[in-house]
């Protein structure tokens, strides 16, 4: 009896990358409504770390980077137009 190779086995870093990307999307969307200059850069950092880890969730991490960048622009515009504080 032989054991089949573990070719389809995931690394733990893949799961962490997915969680970081999902957290970055959540934090960046939250930053639109609450102080974008303080919250969204953290989301951008989380998204870049997730993209650096890569792995199976590389597309999700790339989406997180895009969402975070767009959230920064939209959040700053919303804060300026509504008169809310930026930071």
PDB file of N, CA and C in Angstrom:
ATOM      1  N   UNK A   1       0.826  -1.174   0.000  1.00  0.00           N
ATOM      2  CA  UNK A   1       0.000   0.000   0.000  1.00  0.00           C
ATOM      3  C   UNK A   1       0.875   1.244   0.000  1.00  0.00           C
ATOM      4  N   UNK A   2       0.512   2.180  -0.806  1.00  0.00           N
ATOM      5  CA  UNK A   2       1.261   3.431  -0.829  1.00  0.00           C
ATOM      6  C   UNK A   2       0.306   4.593  -0.598  1.00  0.00           C
ATOM      7  N   UNK A   3       0.868   5.658  -0.136  1.00  0.00           N
ATOM      8  CA  UNK A   3       0.087   6.851   0.155  1.00  0.00           C
ATOM      9  C   UNK A   3       0.167   7.779  -1.060  1.00  0.00           C
ATOM     10  N   UNK A   4      -0.976   8.299  -1.505  1.00  0.00           N
ATOM     11  CA  UNK A   4      -0.918   9.214  -2.658  1.00  0.00           C
ATOM     12  C   UNK A   4      -0.193  10.503  -2.287  1.00  0.00           C
ATOM     13  N   UNK A   5       0.451  11.116  -3.273  1.00  0.00           N
ATOM     14  CA  UNK A   5       1.181  12.362  -2.980  1.00  0.00           C
ATOM     15  C   UNK A   5       0.228  13.462  -2.543  1.00  0.00           C
ATOM     16  N   UNK A   6       0.729  14.338  -1.740  1.00  0.00           N
ATOM     17  CA  UNK A   6      -0.065  15.453  -1.204  1.00  0.00           C
ATOM     18  C   UNK A   6       0.037  16.667  -2.116  1.00  0.00           C
ATOM     19  N   UNK A   7      -0.290  16.476  -3.395  1.00  0.00           N
ATOM     20  CA  UNK A   7      -0.165  17.567  -4.358  1.00  0.00           C
ATOM     21  C   UNK A   7      -1.251  18.624  -4.156  1.00  0.00           C
ATOM     22  N   UNK A   8      -2.438  18.220  -3.728  1.00  0.00           N
ATOM     23  CA  UNK A   8      -3.523  19.163  -3.575  1.00  0.00           C
ATOM     24  C   UNK A   8      -3.586  19.787  -2.191  1.00  0.00           C
ATOM     25  N   UNK A   9      -2.596  19.539  -1.391  1.00  0.00           N
ATOM     26  CA  UNK A   9      -2.621  20.047  -0.024  1.00  0.00           C
ATOM     27  C   UNK A   9      -2.265  21.529   0.013  1.00  0.00           C
ATOM     28  N   UNK A  10      -2.987  22.251   0.838  1.00  0.00           N
ATOM     29  CA  UNK A  10      -2.770  23.686   0.933  1.00  0.00           C
ATOM     30  C   UNK A  10      -1.774  24.018   2.031  1.00  0.00           C
ATOM     31  N   UNK A  11      -1.111  25.130   1.847  1.00  0.00           N
ATOM     32  CA  UNK A  11      -0.239  25.642   2.896  1.00  0.00           C
ATOM     33  C   UNK A  11      -1.072  26.466   3.865  1.00  0.00           C
ATOM     34  N   UNK A  12      -0.645  26.563   5.110  1.00  0.00           N
ATOM     35  CA  UNK A  12      -1.368  27.429   6.051  1.00  0.00           C
ATOM     36  C   UNK A  12      -1.344  28.900   5.626  1.00  0.00           C
ATOM     37  N   UNK A  13      -0.319  29.295   4.901  1.00  0.00           N
ATOM     38  CA  UNK A  13      -0.231  30.684   4.441  1.00  0.00           C
ATOM     39  C   UNK A  13      -1.352  31.027   3.465  1.00  0.00           C
ATOM     40  N   UNK A  14      -1.851  30.020   2.725  1.00  0.00           N
ATOM     41  CA  UNK A  14      -2.958  30.282   1.814  1.00  0.00           C
ATOM     42  C   UNK A  14      -4.211  30.698   2.578  1.00  0.00           C
ATOM     43  N   UNK A  15      -4.489  30.025   3.673  1.00  0.00           N
ATOM     44  CA  UNK A  15      -5.661  30.372   4.481  1.00  0.00           C
ATOM     45  C   UNK A  15      -5.489  31.757   5.104  1.00  0.00           C
ATOM     46  N   UNK A  16      -4.298  32.049   5.589  1.00  0.00           N
ATOM     47  CA  UNK A  16      -4.039  33.363   6.186  1.00  0.00           C
ATOM     48  C   UNK A  16      -4.169  34.456   5.135  1.00  0.00           C
ATOM     49  N   UNK A  17      -3.703  34.184   3.936  1.00  0.00           N
ATOM     50  CA  UNK A  17      -3.825  35.160   2.851  1.00  0.00           C
ATOM     51  C   UNK A  17      -5.286  35.458   2.538  1.00  0.00           C
ATOM     52  N   UNK A  18      -6.116  34.442   2.528  1.00  0.00           N
ATOM     53  CA  UNK A  18      -7.536  34.649   2.274  1.00  0.00           C
ATOM     54  C   UNK A  18      -8.206  35.457   3.372  1.00  0.00           C
ATOM     55  N   UNK A  19      -7.871  35.149   4.626  1.00  0.00           N
ATOM     56  CA  UNK A  19      -8.444  35.904   5.737  1.00  0.00           C
ATOM     57  C   UNK A  19      -7.981  37.364   5.724  1.00  0.00           C
ATOM     58  N   UNK A  20      -6.706  37.594   5.408  1.00  0.00           N
ATOM     59  CA  UNK A  20      -6.206  38.970   5.337  1.00  0.00           C
ATOM     60  C   UNK A  20      -6.890  39.752   4.219  1.00  0.00           C
ATOM     61  N   UNK A  21      -7.085  39.107   3.072  1.00  0.00           N
ATOM     62  CA  UNK A  21      -7.741  39.784   1.953  1.00  0.00           C
ATOM     63  C   UNK A  21      -9.196  40.113   2.294  1.00  0.00           C
ATOM     64  N   UNK A  22      -9.882  39.173   2.925  1.00  0.00           N
ATOM     65  CA  UNK A  22     -11.276  39.427   3.304  1.00  0.00           C
ATOM     66  C   UNK A  22     -11.355  40.541   4.354  1.00  0.00           C
ATOM     67  N   UNK A  23     -10.439  40.529   5.305  1.00  0.00           N
ATOM     68  CA  UNK A  23     -10.420  41.581   6.321  1.00  0.00           C
ATOM     69  C   UNK A  23     -10.105  42.932   5.690  1.00  0.00           C
ATOM     70  N   UNK A  24      -9.223  42.951   4.704  1.00  0.00           N
ATOM     71  CA  UNK A  24      -8.881  44.206   4.029  1.00  0.00           C
ATOM     72  C   UNK A  24     -10.086  44.774   3.290  1.00  0.00           C
ATOM     73  N   UNK A  25     -10.866  43.916   2.660  1.00  0.00           N
ATOM     74  CA  UNK A  25     -12.064  44.388   1.965  1.00  0.00           C
ATOM     75  C   UNK A  25     -13.057  44.957   2.973  1.00  0.00           C
ATOM     76  N   UNK A  26     -13.267  44.260   4.082  1.00  0.00           N
ATOM     77  CA  UNK A  26     -14.203  44.738   5.100  1.00  0.00           C
ATOM     78  C   UNK A  26     -13.750  46.072   5.693  1.00  0.00           C
ATOM     79  N   UNK A  27     -12.477  46.166   6.051  1.00  0.00           N
ATOM     80  CA  UNK A  27     -11.971  47.393   6.679  1.00  0.00           C
ATOM     81  C   UNK A  27     -12.001  48.558   5.698  1.00  0.00           C
ATOM     82  N   UNK A  28     -11.690  48.303   4.444  1.00  0.00           N
ATOM     83  CA  UNK A  28     -11.694  49.397   3.478  1.00  0.00           C
ATOM     84  C   UNK A  28     -13.107  49.900   3.208  1.00  0.00           C
ATOM     85  N   UNK A  29     -14.079  49.015   3.162  1.00  0.00           N
ATOM     86  CA  UNK A  29     -15.457  49.466   2.970  1.00  0.00           C
ATOM     87  C   UNK A  29     -15.975  50.183   4.215  1.00  0.00           C
ATOM     88  N   UNK A  30     -15.518  49.755   5.380  1.00  0.00           N
ATOM     89  CA  UNK A  30     -15.882  50.453   6.605  1.00  0.00           C
ATOM     90  C   UNK A  30     -15.247  51.851   6.636  1.00  0.00           C
ATOM     91  N   UNK A  31     -14.078  51.985   6.038  1.00  0.00           N
ATOM     92  CA  UNK A  31     -13.379  53.260   6.024  1.00  0.00           C
ATOM     93  C   UNK A  31     -14.055  54.322   5.191  1.00  0.00           C
ATOM     94  N   UNK A  32     -14.937  53.923   4.290  1.00  0.00           N
ATOM     95  CA  UNK A  32     -15.672  54.925   3.504  1.00  0.00           C
ATOM     96  C   UNK A  32     -16.545  55.764   4.425  1.00  0.00           C
ATOM     97  N   UNK A  33     -17.142  55.126   5.412  1.00  0.00           N
ATOM     98  CA  UNK A  33     -18.080  55.820   6.290  1.00  0.00           C
ATOM     99  C   UNK A  33     -17.416  56.422   7.521  1.00  0.00           C
ATOM    100  N   UNK A  34     -16.237  55.909   7.915  1.00  0.00           N
ATOM    101  CA  UNK A  34     -15.636  56.364   9.162  1.00  0.00           C
ATOM    102  C   UNK A  34     -14.167  56.707   8.956  1.00  0.00           C
ATOM    103  N   UNK A  35     -13.834  57.951   8.930  1.00  0.00           N
ATOM    104  CA  UNK A  35     -12.470  58.476   8.899  1.00  0.00           C
ATOM    105  C   UNK A  35     -11.547  57.720   7.928  1.00  0.00           C
ATOM    106  N   UNK A  36     -11.684  58.005   6.650  1.00  0.00           N
ATOM    107  CA  UNK A  36     -10.939  57.246   5.639  1.00  0.00           C
ATOM    108  C   UNK A  36      -9.424  57.415   5.706  1.00  0.00           C
ATOM    109  N   UNK A  37      -8.932  58.556   6.142  1.00  0.00           N
ATOM    110  CA  UNK A  37      -7.478  58.753   6.194  1.00  0.00           C
ATOM    111  C   UNK A  37      -6.837  57.961   7.329  1.00  0.00           C
ATOM    112  N   UNK A  38      -7.620  57.489   8.266  1.00  0.00           N
ATOM    113  CA  UNK A  38      -7.096  56.716   9.380  1.00  0.00           C
ATOM    114  C   UNK A  38      -7.288  55.213   9.183  1.00  0.00           C
ATOM    115  N   UNK A  39      -8.391  54.813   8.570  1.00  0.00           N
ATOM    116  CA  UNK A  39      -8.749  53.404   8.497  1.00  0.00           C
ATOM    117  C   UNK A  39      -8.267  52.738   7.204  1.00  0.00           C
ATOM    118  N   UNK A  40      -8.432  53.399   6.080  1.00  0.00           N
ATOM    119  CA  UNK A  40      -8.157  52.766   4.792  1.00  0.00           C
ATOM    120  C   UNK A  40      -6.675  52.441   4.579  1.00  0.00           C
ATOM    121  N   UNK A  41      -5.705  53.245   5.047  1.00  0.00           N
ATOM    122  CA  UNK A  41      -4.314  52.816   4.884  1.00  0.00           C
ATOM    123  C   UNK A  41      -3.997  51.488   5.585  1.00  0.00           C
ATOM    124  N   UNK A  42      -4.670  51.205   6.671  1.00  0.00           N
ATOM    125  CA  UNK A  42      -4.497  49.897   7.322  1.00  0.00           C
ATOM    126  C   UNK A  42      -5.022  48.795   6.407  1.00  0.00           C
ATOM    127  N   UNK A  43      -6.155  49.054   5.760  1.00  0.00           N
ATOM    128  CA  UNK A  43      -6.715  48.079   4.835  1.00  0.00           C
ATOM    129  C   UNK A  43      -5.803  47.869   3.624  1.00  0.00           C
ATOM    130  N   UNK A  44      -5.198  48.950   3.154  1.00  0.00           N
ATOM    131  CA  UNK A  44      -4.267  48.818   2.028  1.00  0.00           C
ATOM    132  C   UNK A  44      -3.061  47.981   2.432  1.00  0.00           C
ATOM    133  N   UNK A  45      -2.569  48.189   3.633  1.00  0.00           N
ATOM    134  CA  UNK A  45      -1.444  47.385   4.123  1.00  0.00           C
ATOM    135  C   UNK A  45      -1.830  45.918   4.241  1.00  0.00           C
ATOM    136  N   UNK A  46      -3.007  45.629   4.780  1.00  0.00           N
ATOM    137  CA  UNK A  46      -3.471  44.241   4.870  1.00  0.00           C
ATOM    138  C   UNK A  46      -3.585  43.604   3.486  1.00  0.00           C
ATOM    139  N   UNK A  47      -4.120  44.351   2.530  1.00  0.00           N
ATOM    140  CA  UNK A  47      -4.286  43.827   1.183  1.00  0.00           C
ATOM    141  C   UNK A  47      -2.938  43.565   0.511  1.00  0.00           C
ATOM    142  N   UNK A  48      -1.975  44.442   0.730  1.00  0.00           N
ATOM    143  CA  UNK A  48      -0.653  44.234   0.129  1.00  0.00           C
ATOM    144  C   UNK A  48       0.069  43.038   0.750  1.00  0.00           C
ATOM    145  N   UNK A  49      -0.103  42.836   2.040  1.00  0.00           N
ATOM    146  CA  UNK A  49       0.489  41.653   2.681  1.00  0.00           C
ATOM    147  C   UNK A  49      -0.158  40.389   2.126  1.00  0.00           C
ATOM    148  N   UNK A  50      -1.479  40.406   1.968  1.00  0.00           N
ATOM    149  CA  UNK A  50      -2.171  39.243   1.401  1.00  0.00           C
ATOM    150  C   UNK A  50      -1.719  38.984  -0.032  1.00  0.00           C
ATOM    151  N   UNK A  51      -1.507  40.040  -0.803  1.00  0.00           N
ATOM    152  CA  UNK A  51      -1.027  39.871  -2.174  1.00  0.00           C
ATOM    153  C   UNK A  51       0.407  39.356  -2.194  1.00  0.00           C
ATOM    154  N   UNK A  52       1.203  39.764  -1.220  1.00  0.00           N
ATOM    155  CA  UNK A  52       2.575  39.274  -1.144  1.00  0.00           C
ATOM    156  C   UNK A  52       2.646  37.799  -0.797  1.00  0.00           C
ATOM    157  N   UNK A  53       1.729  37.340   0.030  1.00  0.00           N
ATOM    158  CA  UNK A  53       1.693  35.914   0.366  1.00  0.00           C
ATOM    159  C   UNK A  53       1.256  35.112  -0.849  1.00  0.00           C
ATOM    160  N   UNK A  54       0.288  35.637  -1.589  1.00  0.00           N
ATOM    161  CA  UNK A  54      -0.154  34.997  -2.828  1.00  0.00           C
ATOM    162  C   UNK A  54      -0.817  33.661  -2.581  1.00  0.00           C
ATOM    163  N   UNK A  55      -0.407  32.671  -3.347  1.00  0.00           N
ATOM    164  CA  UNK A  55      -0.969  31.343  -3.194  1.00  0.00           C
ATOM    165  C   UNK A  55      -2.295  31.199  -3.903  1.00  0.00           C
ATOM    166  N   UNK A  56      -3.151  30.395  -3.321  1.00  0.00           N
ATOM    167  CA  UNK A  56      -4.431  30.082  -3.938  1.00  0.00           C
ATOM    168  C   UNK A  56      -5.361  31.285  -3.988  1.00  0.00           C
ATOM    169  N   UNK A  57      -5.206  32.230  -3.080  1.00  0.00           N
ATOM    170  CA  UNK A  57      -6.093  33.385  -2.990  1.00  0.00           C
ATOM    171  C   UNK A  57      -5.494  34.638  -3.614  1.00  0.00           C
ATOM    172  N   UNK A  58      -4.705  34.486  -4.647  1.00  0.00           N
ATOM    173  CA  UNK A  58      -4.049  35.636  -5.271  1.00  0.00           C
ATOM    174  C   UNK A  58      -5.066  36.575  -5.929  1.00  0.00           C
ATOM    175  N   UNK A  59      -6.107  36.012  -6.527  1.00  0.00           N
ATOM    176  CA  UNK A  59      -7.118  36.870  -7.167  1.00  0.00           C
ATOM    177  C   UNK A  59      -7.917  37.645  -6.126  1.00  0.00           C
ATOM    178  N   UNK A  60      -8.225  37.002  -4.999  1.00  0.00           N
ATOM    179  CA  UNK A  60      -8.933  37.696  -3.927  1.00  0.00           C
ATOM    180  C   UNK A  60      -8.072  38.817  -3.354  1.00  0.00           C
ATOM    181  N   UNK A  61      -6.775  38.566  -3.220  1.00  0.00           N
ATOM    182  CA  UNK A  61      -5.868  39.594  -2.707  1.00  0.00           C
ATOM    183  C   UNK A  61      -5.760  40.762  -3.684  1.00  0.00           C
ATOM    184  N   UNK A  62      -5.726  40.471  -4.975  1.00  0.00           N
ATOM    185  CA  UNK A  62      -5.684  41.542  -5.973  1.00  0.00           C
ATOM    186  C   UNK A  62      -6.983  42.357  -5.940  1.00  0.00           C
ATOM    187  N   UNK A  63      -8.092  41.679  -5.742  1.00  0.00           N
ATOM    188  CA  UNK A  63      -9.370  42.383  -5.604  1.00  0.00           C
ATOM    189  C   UNK A  63      -9.362  43.253  -4.348  1.00  0.00           C
ATOM    190  N   UNK A  64      -8.771  42.757  -3.273  1.00  0.00           N
ATOM    191  CA  UNK A  64      -8.701  43.530  -2.029  1.00  0.00           C
ATOM    192  C   UNK A  64      -7.868  44.794  -2.211  1.00  0.00           C
ATOM    193  N   UNK A  65      -6.782  44.705  -2.959  1.00  0.00           N
ATOM    194  CA  UNK A  65      -5.962  45.886  -3.223  1.00  0.00           C
ATOM    195  C   UNK A  65      -6.762  46.920  -4.022  1.00  0.00           C
ATOM    196  N   UNK A  66      -7.482  46.464  -5.024  1.00  0.00           N
ATOM    197  CA  UNK A  66      -8.293  47.374  -5.825  1.00  0.00           C
ATOM    198  C   UNK A  66      -9.427  48.014  -5.037  1.00  0.00           C
ATOM    199  N   UNK A  67     -10.095  47.210  -4.217  1.00  0.00           N
ATOM    200  CA  UNK A  67     -11.189  47.738  -3.400  1.00  0.00           C
ATOM    201  C   UNK A  67     -10.656  48.749  -2.391  1.00  0.00           C
ATOM    202  N   UNK A  68      -9.507  48.451  -1.805  1.00  0.00           N
ATOM    203  CA  UNK A  68      -8.927  49.376  -0.820  1.00  0.00           C
ATOM    204  C   UNK A  68      -8.529  50.698  -1.467  1.00  0.00           C
ATOM    205  N   UNK A  69      -7.939  50.634  -2.647  1.00  0.00           N
ATOM    206  CA  UNK A  69      -7.552  51.874  -3.331  1.00  0.00           C
ATOM    207  C   UNK A  69      -8.781  52.696  -3.720  1.00  0.00           C
ATOM    208  N   UNK A  70      -9.806  52.027  -4.233  1.00  0.00           N
ATOM    209  CA  UNK A  70     -11.027  52.738  -4.597  1.00  0.00           C
ATOM    210  C   UNK A  70     -11.728  53.292  -3.360  1.00  0.00           C
ATOM    211  N   UNK A  71     -11.692  52.550  -2.270  1.00  0.00           N
ATOM    212  CA  UNK A  71     -12.327  53.013  -1.031  1.00  0.00           C
ATOM    213  C   UNK A  71     -11.630  54.247  -0.479  1.00  0.00           C
ATOM    214  N   UNK A  72     -10.329  54.322  -0.661  1.00  0.00           N
ATOM    215  CA  UNK A  72      -9.612  55.508  -0.208  1.00  0.00           C
ATOM    216  C   UNK A  72     -10.089  56.741  -0.966  1.00  0.00           C
ATOM    217  N   UNK A  73     -10.171  56.611  -2.284  1.00  0.00           N
ATOM    218  CA  UNK A  73     -10.600  57.753  -3.103  1.00  0.00           C
ATOM    219  C   UNK A  73     -12.054  58.122  -2.814  1.00  0.00           C
ATOM    220  N   UNK A  74     -12.915  57.134  -2.759  1.00  0.00           N
ATOM    221  CA  UNK A  74     -14.333  57.407  -2.515  1.00  0.00           C
ATOM    222  C   UNK A  74     -14.542  57.939  -1.103  1.00  0.00           C
ATOM    223  N   UNK A  75     -13.862  57.345  -0.130  1.00  0.00           N
ATOM    224  CA  UNK A  75     -14.010  57.778   1.253  1.00  0.00           C
ATOM    225  C   UNK A  75     -13.543  59.210   1.468  1.00  0.00           C
ATOM    226  N   UNK A  76     -12.428  59.578   0.860  1.00  0.00           N
ATOM    227  CA  UNK A  76     -11.950  60.952   0.985  1.00  0.00           C
ATOM    228  C   UNK A  76     -12.926  61.924   0.321  1.00  0.00           C
ATOM    229  N   UNK A  77     -13.444  61.554  -0.840  1.00  0.00           N
ATOM    230  CA  UNK A  77     -14.400  62.432  -1.522  1.00  0.00           C
ATOM    231  C   UNK A  77     -15.682  62.584  -0.707  1.00  0.00           C
ATOM    232  N   UNK A  78     -16.177  61.489  -0.161  1.00  0.00           N
ATOM    233  CA  UNK A  78     -17.401  61.549   0.644  1.00  0.00           C
ATOM    234  C   UNK A  78     -17.174  62.399   1.894  1.00  0.00           C
ATOM    235  N   UNK A  79     -16.010  62.225   2.527  1.00  0.00           N
ATOM    236  CA  UNK A  79     -15.729  62.992   3.742  1.00  0.00           C
ATOM    237  C   UNK A  79     -15.626  64.489   3.443  1.00  0.00           C
ATOM    238  N   UNK A  80     -15.023  64.841   2.339  1.00  0.00           N
ATOM    239  CA  UNK A  80     -14.893  66.260   1.991  1.00  0.00           C
ATOM    240  C   UNK A  80     -16.250  66.849   1.613  1.00  0.00           C
ATOM    241  N   UNK A  81     -17.025  66.106   0.834  1.00  0.00           N
ATOM    242  CA  UNK A  81     -18.314  66.624   0.380  1.00  0.00           C
ATOM    243  C   UNK A  81     -19.329  66.752   1.514  1.00  0.00           C
ATOM    244  N   UNK A  82     -19.263  65.859   2.489  1.00  0.00           N
ATOM    245  CA  UNK A  82     -20.228  65.910   3.591  1.00  0.00           C
ATOM    246  C   UNK A  82     -19.725  66.707   4.787  1.00  0.00           C
ATOM    247  N   UNK A  83     -18.461  67.103   4.771  1.00  0.00           N
ATOM    248  CA  UNK A  83     -17.911  67.891   5.853  1.00  0.00           C
ATOM    249  C   UNK A  83     -17.491  67.083   7.078  1.00  0.00           C
ATOM    250  N   UNK A  84     -17.396  65.774   6.947  1.00  0.00           N
ATOM    251  CA  UNK A  84     -16.953  64.938   8.050  1.00  0.00           C
ATOM    252  C   UNK A  84     -15.431  64.977   8.171  1.00  0.00           C
ATOM    253  N   UNK A  85     -14.877  64.659   9.341  1.00  0.00           N
ATOM    254  CA  UNK A  85     -13.421  64.691   9.501  1.00  0.00           C
ATOM    255  C   UNK A  85     -12.744  63.581   8.686  1.00  0.00           C
ATOM    256  N   UNK A  86     -11.557  63.911   8.182  1.00  0.00           N
ATOM    257  CA  UNK A  86     -10.802  62.933   7.396  1.00  0.00           C
ATOM    258  C   UNK A  86     -10.057  61.945   8.291  1.00  0.00           C
ATOM    259  N   UNK A  87      -9.565  62.440   9.430  1.00  0.00           N
ATOM    260  CA  UNK A  87      -8.794  61.561  10.324  1.00  0.00           C
ATOM    261  C   UNK A  87      -9.145  61.746  11.728  1.00  0.00           C
TER     262      UNK A  87
END
